[in-house]
C-alpha cells in the first residue's frame, strides 16, 4: 500500500481515538456545606480565611487593651479595618479576608465597628443625594460620623519549599491593633498555617 494512502488512514484512526476519549470524559458536581474544609490545591482558600479571622479576632478581643479602654471611657471602642497587605507568592483575595475580619468584629458585640475608607465615600455620596432629593425630615446630615479609636491592619506572607513532587507552603498572618490617638500598637497577633502537598505520579 502506498504511503500516501496510509497517512489518511492513520489520521482517521487518531481522530476516532481522540473522539472516543472525549466521549468517555465526564464532569461531576456535588454540593457541600460551605463551612466544610476543601483543600484541593493546597493554596490559600475560604477555610483558611474564615478560621484565621475567627481565631485572631477572638484573641484580639480577649486581650487587656479592650478591657482597659472600656474601663477608662465607659464605652466600647470604635474599630475600623485598614489595609491588609498580600506579601505572599500567591494571588489572594484580600477583600474576602477583610470581610471575614469585619464580620467577626461586628458580631462580637464587644466593639463598635465603622465602615472603611472606600465604603465611607459611598455613604457620603448617598447623604449628598439625600440633601438634594429626599424629604427634609428624612435627610441625614453630614458631620455626624463616628470617628474610629483603633485601626486593625496587617499582612499575609508565605514561604514555599518544593522537592521531588512534594511542596510545603507556610502561611503567616500578622495583625495589629493601633491606637489612632497616639499610634500605640495595643495588640499584636500572629497566626500560622503549614500545608504539605504531594503530587502523585501517574505511570502509563
N, C-alpha and C. Protein backbone atom coordinates (compact mmCIF):
# COMPACT_ATOMS: atom_id res chain seq x y z
N UNK A 1 0.86 -1.19 0.00
CA UNK A 1 0.00 0.00 0.00
C UNK A 1 0.89 1.24 0.00
N UNK A 2 0.55 2.19 -0.81
CA UNK A 2 1.36 3.40 -0.94
C UNK A 2 1.29 4.23 0.33
N UNK A 3 2.39 4.96 0.59
CA UNK A 3 2.46 5.81 1.81
C UNK A 3 1.39 6.87 1.80
N UNK A 4 1.10 7.42 0.63
CA UNK A 4 0.10 8.48 0.53
C UNK A 4 -1.28 8.02 0.93
N UNK A 5 -1.56 6.71 0.74
CA UNK A 5 -2.88 6.18 1.11
C UNK A 5 -2.93 5.76 2.57
N UNK A 6 -1.75 5.51 3.20
CA UNK A 6 -1.71 5.11 4.60
C UNK A 6 -1.92 6.30 5.52
N UNK A 7 -1.37 7.46 5.16
CA UNK A 7 -1.44 8.64 6.02
C UNK A 7 -2.86 9.07 6.35
N UNK A 8 -3.77 9.13 5.35
CA UNK A 8 -5.16 9.49 5.70
C UNK A 8 -5.79 8.48 6.66
N UNK A 9 -5.42 7.18 6.50
CA UNK A 9 -5.98 6.15 7.36
C UNK A 9 -5.50 6.32 8.80
N UNK A 10 -4.21 6.68 8.95
CA UNK A 10 -3.66 6.91 10.29
C UNK A 10 -4.36 8.10 10.94
N UNK A 11 -4.52 9.17 10.16
CA UNK A 11 -5.19 10.36 10.68
C UNK A 11 -6.60 10.06 11.14
N UNK A 12 -7.31 9.21 10.38
CA UNK A 12 -8.68 8.84 10.74
C UNK A 12 -8.71 8.05 12.03
N UNK A 13 -7.75 7.14 12.19
CA UNK A 13 -7.69 6.33 13.42
C UNK A 13 -7.41 7.21 14.65
N UNK A 14 -6.47 8.14 14.48
CA UNK A 14 -6.14 9.05 15.59
C UNK A 14 -7.36 9.87 15.97
N UNK A 15 -8.07 10.36 14.98
CA UNK A 15 -9.26 11.16 15.23
C UNK A 15 -10.33 10.37 15.96
N UNK A 16 -10.50 9.10 15.57
CA UNK A 16 -11.50 8.25 16.23
C UNK A 16 -11.13 7.98 17.69
N UNK A 17 -9.83 7.77 17.94
CA UNK A 17 -9.37 7.52 19.31
C UNK A 17 -9.62 8.75 20.17
N UNK A 18 -9.29 9.95 19.65
CA UNK A 18 -9.50 11.19 20.40
C UNK A 18 -10.97 11.42 20.67
N UNK A 19 -11.80 11.15 19.68
CA UNK A 19 -13.25 11.31 19.86
C UNK A 19 -13.78 10.36 20.90
N UNK A 20 -13.24 9.12 20.89
CA UNK A 20 -13.67 8.13 21.86
C UNK A 20 -13.30 8.55 23.28
N UNK A 21 -12.06 9.09 23.45
CA UNK A 21 -11.61 9.54 24.77
C UNK A 21 -12.45 10.71 25.26
N UNK A 22 -12.78 11.62 24.34
CA UNK A 22 -13.59 12.78 24.71
C UNK A 22 -14.97 12.35 25.15
N UNK A 23 -15.50 11.31 24.50
CA UNK A 23 -16.82 10.82 24.85
C UNK A 23 -16.85 10.18 26.23
N UNK A 24 -15.70 9.65 26.65
CA UNK A 24 -15.65 8.99 27.95
C UNK A 24 -15.53 9.98 29.10
N UNK A 25 -15.07 11.20 28.81
CA UNK A 25 -14.88 12.19 29.88
C UNK A 25 -16.22 12.62 30.46
N UNK A 26 -16.25 12.86 31.76
CA UNK A 26 -17.49 13.29 32.41
C UNK A 26 -17.17 14.30 33.50
N UNK A 27 -18.14 15.11 33.84
CA UNK A 27 -17.99 16.12 34.88
C UNK A 27 -18.96 15.82 36.01
N UNK A 28 -18.45 15.82 37.23
CA UNK A 28 -19.29 15.54 38.38
C UNK A 28 -19.30 16.77 39.30
N UNK A 29 -20.48 17.22 39.65
CA UNK A 29 -20.64 18.38 40.54
C UNK A 29 -21.45 17.97 41.75
N UNK A 30 -20.97 18.28 42.92
CA UNK A 30 -21.71 17.97 44.15
C UNK A 30 -21.72 19.18 45.06
N UNK A 31 -22.82 19.39 45.73
CA UNK A 31 -22.94 20.50 46.67
C UNK A 31 -22.47 20.04 48.05
N UNK A 32 -21.68 20.90 48.70
CA UNK A 32 -21.17 20.58 50.04
C UNK A 32 -21.46 21.75 50.97
N UNK A 33 -21.35 21.49 52.25
CA UNK A 33 -21.55 22.54 53.25
C UNK A 33 -20.49 23.62 53.05
N UNK A 34 -20.92 24.88 53.02
CA UNK A 34 -19.99 25.99 52.79
C UNK A 34 -18.93 26.07 53.89
N UNK A 35 -19.20 25.50 55.06
CA UNK A 35 -18.25 25.54 56.17
C UNK A 35 -17.28 24.35 56.14
N UNK A 36 -17.47 23.43 55.20
CA UNK A 36 -16.60 22.26 55.15
C UNK A 36 -15.22 22.63 54.62
N UNK A 37 -14.22 21.82 54.99
CA UNK A 37 -12.85 22.05 54.56
C UNK A 37 -12.63 21.40 53.20
N UNK A 38 -12.23 22.18 52.20
CA UNK A 38 -11.97 21.65 50.85
C UNK A 38 -10.61 22.12 50.39
N UNK A 39 -9.58 21.39 50.77
CA UNK A 39 -8.22 21.69 50.34
C UNK A 39 -7.91 20.89 49.09
N UNK A 40 -8.02 21.49 47.94
CA UNK A 40 -7.78 20.80 46.69
C UNK A 40 -6.37 21.04 46.15
N UNK A 41 -5.92 22.27 46.18
CA UNK A 41 -4.62 22.62 45.60
C UNK A 41 -3.55 22.89 46.65
N UNK A 42 -3.97 23.10 47.89
CA UNK A 42 -3.01 23.47 48.93
C UNK A 42 -2.83 24.97 49.07
N UNK A 43 -3.42 25.73 48.16
CA UNK A 43 -3.30 27.18 48.24
C UNK A 43 -4.29 27.75 49.26
N UNK A 44 -4.10 29.04 49.57
CA UNK A 44 -4.98 29.77 50.49
C UNK A 44 -6.42 29.65 49.99
N UNK A 45 -7.36 29.35 50.88
CA UNK A 45 -8.75 29.19 50.46
C UNK A 45 -9.71 29.79 51.49
N UNK A 46 -11.00 29.57 51.27
CA UNK A 46 -12.02 30.18 52.13
C UNK A 46 -11.94 29.66 53.55
N UNK A 47 -11.55 28.40 53.72
CA UNK A 47 -11.44 27.84 55.07
C UNK A 47 -10.33 28.52 55.85
N UNK A 48 -9.18 28.74 55.20
CA UNK A 48 -8.08 29.44 55.85
C UNK A 48 -8.51 30.84 56.28
N UNK A 49 -9.17 31.56 55.37
CA UNK A 49 -9.61 32.92 55.64
C UNK A 49 -10.56 32.97 56.83
N UNK A 50 -11.53 32.08 56.83
CA UNK A 50 -12.55 32.09 57.88
C UNK A 50 -11.95 31.69 59.24
N UNK A 51 -11.17 30.62 59.26
CA UNK A 51 -10.63 30.13 60.53
C UNK A 51 -9.63 31.10 61.15
N UNK A 52 -8.79 31.71 60.31
CA UNK A 52 -7.82 32.66 60.83
C UNK A 52 -8.51 33.91 61.36
N UNK A 53 -9.51 34.40 60.62
CA UNK A 53 -10.25 35.58 61.08
C UNK A 53 -10.93 35.31 62.41
N UNK A 54 -11.58 34.17 62.53
CA UNK A 54 -12.27 33.82 63.78
C UNK A 54 -11.29 33.73 64.94
N UNK A 55 -10.17 33.02 64.72
CA UNK A 55 -9.20 32.82 65.79
C UNK A 55 -8.51 34.10 66.23
N UNK A 56 -8.13 34.94 65.25
CA UNK A 56 -7.38 36.15 65.58
C UNK A 56 -8.25 37.21 66.23
N UNK A 57 -9.48 37.36 65.77
CA UNK A 57 -10.38 38.35 66.39
C UNK A 57 -10.75 37.90 67.80
N UNK A 58 -10.95 36.60 67.99
CA UNK A 58 -11.23 36.09 69.34
C UNK A 58 -10.07 36.40 70.27
N UNK A 59 -8.84 36.21 69.78
CA UNK A 59 -7.67 36.52 70.60
C UNK A 59 -7.56 38.02 70.87
N UNK A 60 -7.79 38.82 69.84
CA UNK A 60 -7.68 40.28 70.00
C UNK A 60 -8.64 40.81 71.04
N UNK A 61 -9.86 40.29 71.04
CA UNK A 61 -10.89 40.79 71.95
C UNK A 61 -10.74 40.24 73.37
N UNK A 62 -9.81 39.31 73.56
CA UNK A 62 -9.60 38.75 74.90
C UNK A 62 -8.39 39.39 75.60
N UNK A 63 -7.73 40.32 74.92
CA UNK A 63 -6.52 40.92 75.48
C UNK A 63 -6.84 42.19 76.29
N UNK A 64 -5.89 42.63 77.14
CA UNK A 64 -6.14 43.74 78.08
C UNK A 64 -6.54 45.07 77.45
N UNK A 65 -6.12 45.35 76.22
CA UNK A 65 -6.39 46.66 75.63
C UNK A 65 -7.89 46.97 75.62
N UNK A 66 -8.71 45.96 75.36
CA UNK A 66 -10.15 46.18 75.27
C UNK A 66 -10.74 46.52 76.64
N UNK A 67 -10.37 45.74 77.65
CA UNK A 67 -10.87 46.00 79.00
C UNK A 67 -10.38 47.35 79.52
N UNK A 68 -9.12 47.63 79.27
CA UNK A 68 -8.55 48.91 79.73
C UNK A 68 -9.28 50.10 79.11
N UNK A 69 -9.58 50.00 77.81
CA UNK A 69 -10.25 51.11 77.14
C UNK A 69 -11.69 51.26 77.66
N UNK A 70 -12.38 50.13 77.80
CA UNK A 70 -13.77 50.17 78.27
C UNK A 70 -13.87 50.74 79.68
N UNK A 71 -12.95 50.33 80.54
CA UNK A 71 -12.96 50.83 81.92
C UNK A 71 -12.65 52.33 81.98
N UNK A 72 -11.76 52.78 81.10
CA UNK A 72 -11.34 54.19 81.14
C UNK A 72 -12.38 55.13 80.55
N UNK A 73 -13.12 54.66 79.53
CA UNK A 73 -14.04 55.55 78.81
C UNK A 73 -15.51 55.23 79.07
N UNK A 74 -15.77 54.07 79.67
CA UNK A 74 -17.15 53.63 79.93
C UNK A 74 -17.94 53.41 78.64
N UNK A 75 -17.25 53.03 77.58
CA UNK A 75 -17.92 52.70 76.33
C UNK A 75 -17.03 51.74 75.53
N UNK A 76 -17.64 51.11 74.53
CA UNK A 76 -16.88 50.20 73.68
C UNK A 76 -16.03 50.99 72.69
N UNK A 77 -14.85 50.52 72.36
CA UNK A 77 -14.03 51.24 71.38
C UNK A 77 -14.60 51.12 69.97
N UNK A 78 -14.34 52.14 69.18
CA UNK A 78 -14.77 52.13 67.77
C UNK A 78 -13.58 51.65 66.94
N UNK A 79 -13.80 50.60 66.15
CA UNK A 79 -12.72 49.96 65.41
C UNK A 79 -13.00 50.01 63.91
N UNK A 80 -11.95 50.18 63.14
CA UNK A 80 -12.03 50.16 61.69
C UNK A 80 -10.96 49.21 61.16
N UNK A 81 -11.26 48.52 60.07
CA UNK A 81 -10.26 47.65 59.44
C UNK A 81 -9.55 48.43 58.34
N UNK A 82 -8.24 48.51 58.45
CA UNK A 82 -7.45 49.23 57.46
C UNK A 82 -6.93 48.32 56.37
N UNK A 83 -5.68 48.51 55.98
CA UNK A 83 -5.09 47.76 54.87
C UNK A 83 -4.54 46.42 55.34
N UNK A 84 -4.90 45.36 54.62
CA UNK A 84 -4.30 44.04 54.80
C UNK A 84 -3.47 43.78 53.55
N UNK A 85 -2.17 43.72 53.69
CA UNK A 85 -1.27 43.60 52.54
C UNK A 85 -0.98 42.15 52.22
N UNK A 86 -1.08 41.80 50.94
CA UNK A 86 -0.72 40.46 50.49
C UNK A 86 0.76 40.44 50.11
N UNK A 87 1.58 39.86 50.95
CA UNK A 87 3.02 39.74 50.69
C UNK A 87 3.40 38.31 50.29
N UNK A 88 2.40 37.51 49.99
CA UNK A 88 2.64 36.12 49.65
C UNK A 88 3.01 35.96 48.18
N UNK A 89 3.36 34.73 47.79
CA UNK A 89 3.68 34.43 46.40
C UNK A 89 2.43 34.06 45.61
N UNK A 90 1.27 34.06 46.27
CA UNK A 90 0.02 33.69 45.62
C UNK A 90 -0.87 34.92 45.39
N UNK A 91 -1.83 34.72 44.49
CA UNK A 91 -2.87 35.74 44.35
C UNK A 91 -3.94 35.41 45.38
N UNK A 92 -4.06 36.25 46.40
CA UNK A 92 -5.03 36.04 47.47
C UNK A 92 -6.06 37.16 47.44
N UNK A 93 -7.32 36.77 47.48
CA UNK A 93 -8.40 37.76 47.52
C UNK A 93 -8.45 38.34 48.94
N UNK A 94 -7.69 39.41 49.16
CA UNK A 94 -7.57 40.00 50.49
C UNK A 94 -8.92 40.54 50.97
N UNK A 95 -9.76 41.01 50.05
CA UNK A 95 -11.04 41.58 50.44
C UNK A 95 -11.92 40.56 51.15
N UNK A 96 -11.84 39.29 50.73
CA UNK A 96 -12.61 38.25 51.39
C UNK A 96 -12.15 38.08 52.83
N UNK A 97 -10.84 38.14 53.06
CA UNK A 97 -10.31 38.04 54.41
C UNK A 97 -10.73 39.24 55.25
N UNK A 98 -10.71 40.44 54.64
CA UNK A 98 -11.16 41.65 55.35
C UNK A 98 -12.63 41.51 55.74
N UNK A 99 -13.43 40.96 54.83
CA UNK A 99 -14.85 40.76 55.13
C UNK A 99 -15.04 39.82 56.31
N UNK A 100 -14.20 38.77 56.37
CA UNK A 100 -14.28 37.83 57.50
C UNK A 100 -13.91 38.52 58.81
N UNK A 101 -12.88 39.36 58.76
CA UNK A 101 -12.48 40.11 59.96
C UNK A 101 -13.60 41.05 60.41
N UNK A 102 -14.19 41.76 59.46
CA UNK A 102 -15.27 42.70 59.77
C UNK A 102 -16.47 41.98 60.37
N UNK A 103 -16.78 40.81 59.82
CA UNK A 103 -17.91 40.04 60.34
C UNK A 103 -17.68 39.63 61.80
N UNK A 104 -16.47 39.15 62.08
CA UNK A 104 -16.17 38.72 63.45
C UNK A 104 -16.19 39.90 64.43
N UNK A 105 -15.66 41.04 64.01
CA UNK A 105 -15.68 42.22 64.87
C UNK A 105 -17.10 42.68 65.16
N UNK A 106 -17.90 42.76 64.11
CA UNK A 106 -19.28 43.24 64.25
C UNK A 106 -20.12 42.30 65.10
N UNK A 107 -20.03 41.01 64.83
CA UNK A 107 -20.87 40.03 65.53
C UNK A 107 -20.43 39.80 66.97
N UNK A 108 -19.23 40.23 67.31
CA UNK A 108 -18.75 40.03 68.69
C UNK A 108 -19.57 40.85 69.69
N UNK A 109 -20.05 42.02 69.24
CA UNK A 109 -20.81 42.89 70.12
C UNK A 109 -19.95 43.59 71.16
N UNK A 110 -18.64 43.43 71.10
CA UNK A 110 -17.76 44.00 72.11
C UNK A 110 -17.09 45.28 71.63
N UNK A 111 -17.19 45.57 70.35
CA UNK A 111 -16.65 46.81 69.81
C UNK A 111 -17.69 47.42 68.88
N UNK A 112 -17.56 48.71 68.61
CA UNK A 112 -18.39 49.36 67.61
C UNK A 112 -17.58 49.41 66.32
N UNK A 113 -18.13 48.81 65.28
CA UNK A 113 -17.39 48.72 64.03
C UNK A 113 -17.94 49.73 63.03
N UNK A 114 -17.06 50.51 62.42
CA UNK A 114 -17.50 51.52 61.45
C UNK A 114 -16.95 51.19 60.07
N UNK A 115 -17.60 51.76 59.04
CA UNK A 115 -17.26 51.47 57.65
C UNK A 115 -15.85 51.95 57.32
N UNK A 116 -15.20 51.23 56.40
CA UNK A 116 -13.85 51.56 55.97
C UNK A 116 -13.82 52.73 55.00
N UNK A 117 -12.59 53.06 54.55
CA UNK A 117 -12.38 54.24 53.73
C UNK A 117 -13.20 54.20 52.44
N UNK A 118 -13.14 53.10 51.72
CA UNK A 118 -13.87 53.00 50.45
C UNK A 118 -15.37 53.03 50.65
N UNK A 119 -15.84 52.39 51.70
CA UNK A 119 -17.28 52.34 51.98
C UNK A 119 -17.80 53.71 52.41
N UNK A 120 -16.99 54.45 53.15
CA UNK A 120 -17.47 55.75 53.65
C UNK A 120 -17.80 56.70 52.51
N UNK A 121 -17.05 56.67 51.44
CA UNK A 121 -17.30 57.58 50.33
C UNK A 121 -18.66 57.29 49.69
N UNK A 122 -19.01 56.01 49.61
CA UNK A 122 -20.32 55.66 49.05
C UNK A 122 -21.44 56.18 49.95
N UNK A 123 -21.26 56.06 51.26
CA UNK A 123 -22.27 56.53 52.21
C UNK A 123 -22.39 58.06 52.15
N UNK A 124 -21.24 58.73 52.02
CA UNK A 124 -21.27 60.19 51.94
C UNK A 124 -21.98 60.65 50.66
N UNK A 125 -21.77 59.93 49.58
CA UNK A 125 -22.44 60.26 48.33
C UNK A 125 -23.95 60.11 48.48
N UNK A 126 -24.38 59.08 49.23
CA UNK A 126 -25.80 58.88 49.48
C UNK A 126 -26.38 60.05 50.28
N UNK A 127 -25.61 60.56 51.26
CA UNK A 127 -26.10 61.72 52.04
C UNK A 127 -26.21 62.96 51.16
N UNK A 128 -25.25 63.13 50.26
CA UNK A 128 -25.32 64.28 49.34
C UNK A 128 -26.54 64.16 48.44
N UNK A 129 -26.84 62.95 48.01
CA UNK A 129 -28.02 62.73 47.17
C UNK A 129 -29.30 63.00 47.96
N UNK A 130 -29.32 62.57 49.22
CA UNK A 130 -30.49 62.85 50.07
C UNK A 130 -30.71 64.34 50.24
N UNK A 131 -29.62 65.09 50.42
CA UNK A 131 -29.73 66.53 50.63
C UNK A 131 -30.39 67.22 49.45
N UNK A 132 -30.25 66.64 48.26
CA UNK A 132 -30.82 67.25 47.07
C UNK A 132 -32.19 66.70 46.71
N UNK A 133 -32.48 65.45 47.12
CA UNK A 133 -33.68 64.80 46.61
C UNK A 133 -34.64 64.25 47.66
N UNK A 134 -34.20 64.00 48.87
CA UNK A 134 -35.07 63.38 49.88
C UNK A 134 -35.85 64.43 50.66
N UNK A 135 -36.97 63.99 51.24
CA UNK A 135 -37.75 64.88 52.10
C UNK A 135 -36.86 65.35 53.26
N UNK A 136 -36.98 66.61 53.62
CA UNK A 136 -36.09 67.19 54.62
C UNK A 136 -36.09 66.44 55.96
N UNK A 137 -37.27 66.01 56.47
CA UNK A 137 -37.25 65.30 57.76
C UNK A 137 -36.50 63.97 57.71
N UNK A 138 -36.33 63.41 56.49
CA UNK A 138 -35.67 62.10 56.38
C UNK A 138 -34.20 62.22 55.97
N UNK A 139 -33.73 63.42 55.69
CA UNK A 139 -32.33 63.59 55.28
C UNK A 139 -31.38 63.35 56.44
N UNK A 140 -30.25 62.75 56.13
CA UNK A 140 -29.21 62.51 57.13
C UNK A 140 -28.11 63.55 56.93
N UNK A 141 -27.93 64.38 57.95
CA UNK A 141 -26.99 65.50 57.84
C UNK A 141 -25.54 65.02 57.90
N UNK A 142 -24.65 65.73 57.20
CA UNK A 142 -23.22 65.40 57.27
C UNK A 142 -22.61 65.84 58.59
N UNK A 143 -21.40 65.38 58.85
CA UNK A 143 -20.68 65.80 60.06
C UNK A 143 -21.06 65.06 61.31
N UNK A 144 -21.75 63.93 61.19
CA UNK A 144 -22.17 63.18 62.37
C UNK A 144 -21.57 61.78 62.40
N UNK A 145 -20.53 61.56 61.62
CA UNK A 145 -19.88 60.25 61.61
C UNK A 145 -19.14 60.01 62.92
N UNK A 146 -19.01 58.75 63.29
CA UNK A 146 -18.28 58.37 64.50
C UNK A 146 -16.84 58.06 64.11
N UNK A 147 -15.91 58.75 64.70
CA UNK A 147 -14.50 58.52 64.41
C UNK A 147 -13.99 57.25 65.10
N UNK A 148 -13.11 56.54 64.42
CA UNK A 148 -12.57 55.30 64.97
C UNK A 148 -11.53 55.59 66.06
N UNK A 149 -11.47 54.72 67.06
CA UNK A 149 -10.46 54.80 68.11
C UNK A 149 -9.25 53.93 67.77
N UNK A 150 -9.52 52.82 67.06
CA UNK A 150 -8.46 51.88 66.71
C UNK A 150 -8.58 51.47 65.25
N UNK A 151 -7.45 51.13 64.64
CA UNK A 151 -7.44 50.60 63.29
C UNK A 151 -6.73 49.25 63.31
N UNK A 152 -7.37 48.25 62.69
CA UNK A 152 -6.80 46.91 62.58
C UNK A 152 -6.14 46.79 61.21
N UNK A 153 -4.87 46.48 61.17
CA UNK A 153 -4.13 46.37 59.91
C UNK A 153 -3.17 45.20 59.99
N UNK A 154 -2.66 44.76 58.82
CA UNK A 154 -1.73 43.63 58.87
C UNK A 154 -1.31 43.15 57.51
N UNK A 155 -0.83 41.90 57.46
CA UNK A 155 -0.30 41.34 56.21
C UNK A 155 -0.42 39.83 56.21
N UNK A 156 -0.36 39.27 54.99
CA UNK A 156 -0.33 37.82 54.78
C UNK A 156 0.96 37.51 54.03
N UNK A 157 1.79 36.62 54.60
CA UNK A 157 3.07 36.26 53.98
C UNK A 157 3.15 34.75 53.80
N UNK A 158 4.02 34.31 52.88
CA UNK A 158 4.20 32.88 52.66
C UNK A 158 5.67 32.54 52.44
N UNK A 159 5.99 31.29 52.73
CA UNK A 159 7.27 30.69 52.37
C UNK A 159 6.94 29.35 51.73
N UNK A 160 7.46 29.10 50.53
CA UNK A 160 7.19 27.85 49.83
C UNK A 160 8.49 27.08 49.62
N UNK A 161 8.42 25.76 49.77
CA UNK A 161 9.57 24.89 49.55
C UNK A 161 9.08 23.66 48.81
N UNK A 162 9.84 23.21 47.82
CA UNK A 162 9.39 22.08 46.99
C UNK A 162 10.57 21.22 46.59
N UNK A 163 10.35 19.90 46.63
CA UNK A 163 11.38 18.95 46.20
C UNK A 163 10.73 17.61 45.87
N UNK A 164 11.08 17.06 44.71
CA UNK A 164 10.65 15.73 44.28
C UNK A 164 9.14 15.52 44.40
N UNK A 165 8.39 16.49 43.92
CA UNK A 165 6.94 16.35 43.87
C UNK A 165 6.21 16.68 45.16
N UNK A 166 6.93 17.02 46.21
CA UNK A 166 6.29 17.40 47.48
C UNK A 166 6.56 18.87 47.76
N UNK A 167 5.49 19.60 48.06
CA UNK A 167 5.60 21.04 48.29
C UNK A 167 5.06 21.40 49.67
N UNK A 168 5.82 22.20 50.38
CA UNK A 168 5.39 22.71 51.69
C UNK A 168 5.11 24.20 51.56
N UNK A 169 3.94 24.62 52.01
CA UNK A 169 3.55 26.02 51.95
C UNK A 169 3.29 26.51 53.38
N UNK A 170 3.98 27.56 53.76
CA UNK A 170 3.87 28.11 55.10
C UNK A 170 3.25 29.50 55.01
N UNK A 171 2.10 29.68 55.67
CA UNK A 171 1.40 30.96 55.68
C UNK A 171 1.56 31.61 57.05
N UNK A 172 1.80 32.89 57.05
CA UNK A 172 1.86 33.65 58.31
C UNK A 172 1.03 34.92 58.17
N UNK A 173 0.07 35.07 59.07
CA UNK A 173 -0.79 36.26 59.08
C UNK A 173 -0.46 37.07 60.32
N UNK A 174 -0.10 38.33 60.11
CA UNK A 174 0.21 39.24 61.22
C UNK A 174 -0.82 40.36 61.23
N UNK A 175 -1.42 40.59 62.39
CA UNK A 175 -2.39 41.67 62.56
C UNK A 175 -1.99 42.51 63.77
N UNK A 176 -2.30 43.80 63.71
CA UNK A 176 -2.02 44.69 64.83
C UNK A 176 -3.16 45.69 65.00
N UNK A 177 -3.46 45.98 66.26
CA UNK A 177 -4.49 46.95 66.61
C UNK A 177 -3.77 48.23 67.05
N UNK A 178 -3.93 49.29 66.27
CA UNK A 178 -3.19 50.53 66.53
C UNK A 178 -4.13 51.59 67.07
N UNK A 179 -3.73 52.22 68.17
CA UNK A 179 -4.50 53.32 68.78
C UNK A 179 -4.32 54.56 67.90
N UNK A 180 -5.41 55.06 67.32
CA UNK A 180 -5.33 56.20 66.41
C UNK A 180 -4.98 57.51 67.12
N UNK A 181 -5.14 57.55 68.41
CA UNK A 181 -4.83 58.78 69.14
C UNK A 181 -3.34 58.99 69.33
N UNK A 182 -2.59 57.89 69.42
CA UNK A 182 -1.16 58.04 69.74
C UNK A 182 -0.25 57.06 69.00
N UNK A 183 -0.80 56.27 68.04
CA UNK A 183 -0.04 55.30 67.25
C UNK A 183 0.52 54.13 68.06
N UNK A 184 0.04 53.96 69.28
CA UNK A 184 0.49 52.83 70.09
C UNK A 184 -0.12 51.54 69.56
N UNK A 185 0.71 50.50 69.41
CA UNK A 185 0.22 49.19 68.99
C UNK A 185 -0.29 48.47 70.23
N UNK A 186 -1.61 48.46 70.36
CA UNK A 186 -2.24 47.94 71.57
C UNK A 186 -2.34 46.43 71.59
N UNK A 187 -2.31 45.81 70.41
CA UNK A 187 -2.37 44.35 70.32
C UNK A 187 -1.66 43.90 69.06
N UNK A 188 -0.95 42.79 69.18
CA UNK A 188 -0.29 42.21 68.02
C UNK A 188 -0.60 40.72 68.00
N UNK A 189 -1.13 40.24 66.89
CA UNK A 189 -1.47 38.82 66.78
C UNK A 189 -0.81 38.18 65.58
N UNK A 190 -0.55 36.89 65.71
CA UNK A 190 0.08 36.15 64.62
C UNK A 190 -0.51 34.75 64.54
N UNK A 191 -0.81 34.34 63.32
CA UNK A 191 -1.38 33.01 63.09
C UNK A 191 -0.61 32.35 61.96
N UNK A 192 -0.31 31.05 62.13
CA UNK A 192 0.49 30.33 61.14
C UNK A 192 -0.25 29.09 60.66
N UNK A 193 -0.09 28.80 59.37
CA UNK A 193 -0.64 27.58 58.77
C UNK A 193 0.46 26.96 57.93
N UNK A 194 0.61 25.64 58.04
CA UNK A 194 1.59 24.94 57.21
C UNK A 194 0.89 23.79 56.49
N UNK A 195 1.04 23.75 55.17
CA UNK A 195 0.42 22.71 54.37
C UNK A 195 1.49 21.95 53.59
N UNK A 196 1.28 20.64 53.45
CA UNK A 196 2.17 19.81 52.64
C UNK A 196 1.34 19.21 51.52
N UNK A 197 1.77 19.45 50.29
CA UNK A 197 1.06 18.97 49.11
C UNK A 197 1.94 17.96 48.39
N UNK A 198 1.43 16.74 48.20
CA UNK A 198 2.17 15.71 47.50
C UNK A 198 1.53 15.44 46.14
N UNK A 199 2.35 15.51 45.10
CA UNK A 199 1.88 15.24 43.75
C UNK A 199 2.17 13.79 43.40
N UNK A 200 1.13 13.02 43.13
CA UNK A 200 1.31 11.61 42.77
C UNK A 200 1.60 11.49 41.29
N UNK A 201 2.59 10.67 40.99
CA UNK A 201 2.96 10.44 39.59
C UNK A 201 2.07 9.37 38.98
N UNK A 202 1.60 9.64 37.77
CA UNK A 202 0.77 8.70 37.05
C UNK A 202 1.66 7.93 36.08
N UNK A 203 1.73 6.62 36.22
CA UNK A 203 2.57 5.79 35.35
C UNK A 203 1.69 5.06 34.34
N UNK A 204 2.01 5.23 33.07
CA UNK A 204 1.25 4.58 32.00
C UNK A 204 1.97 3.31 31.55
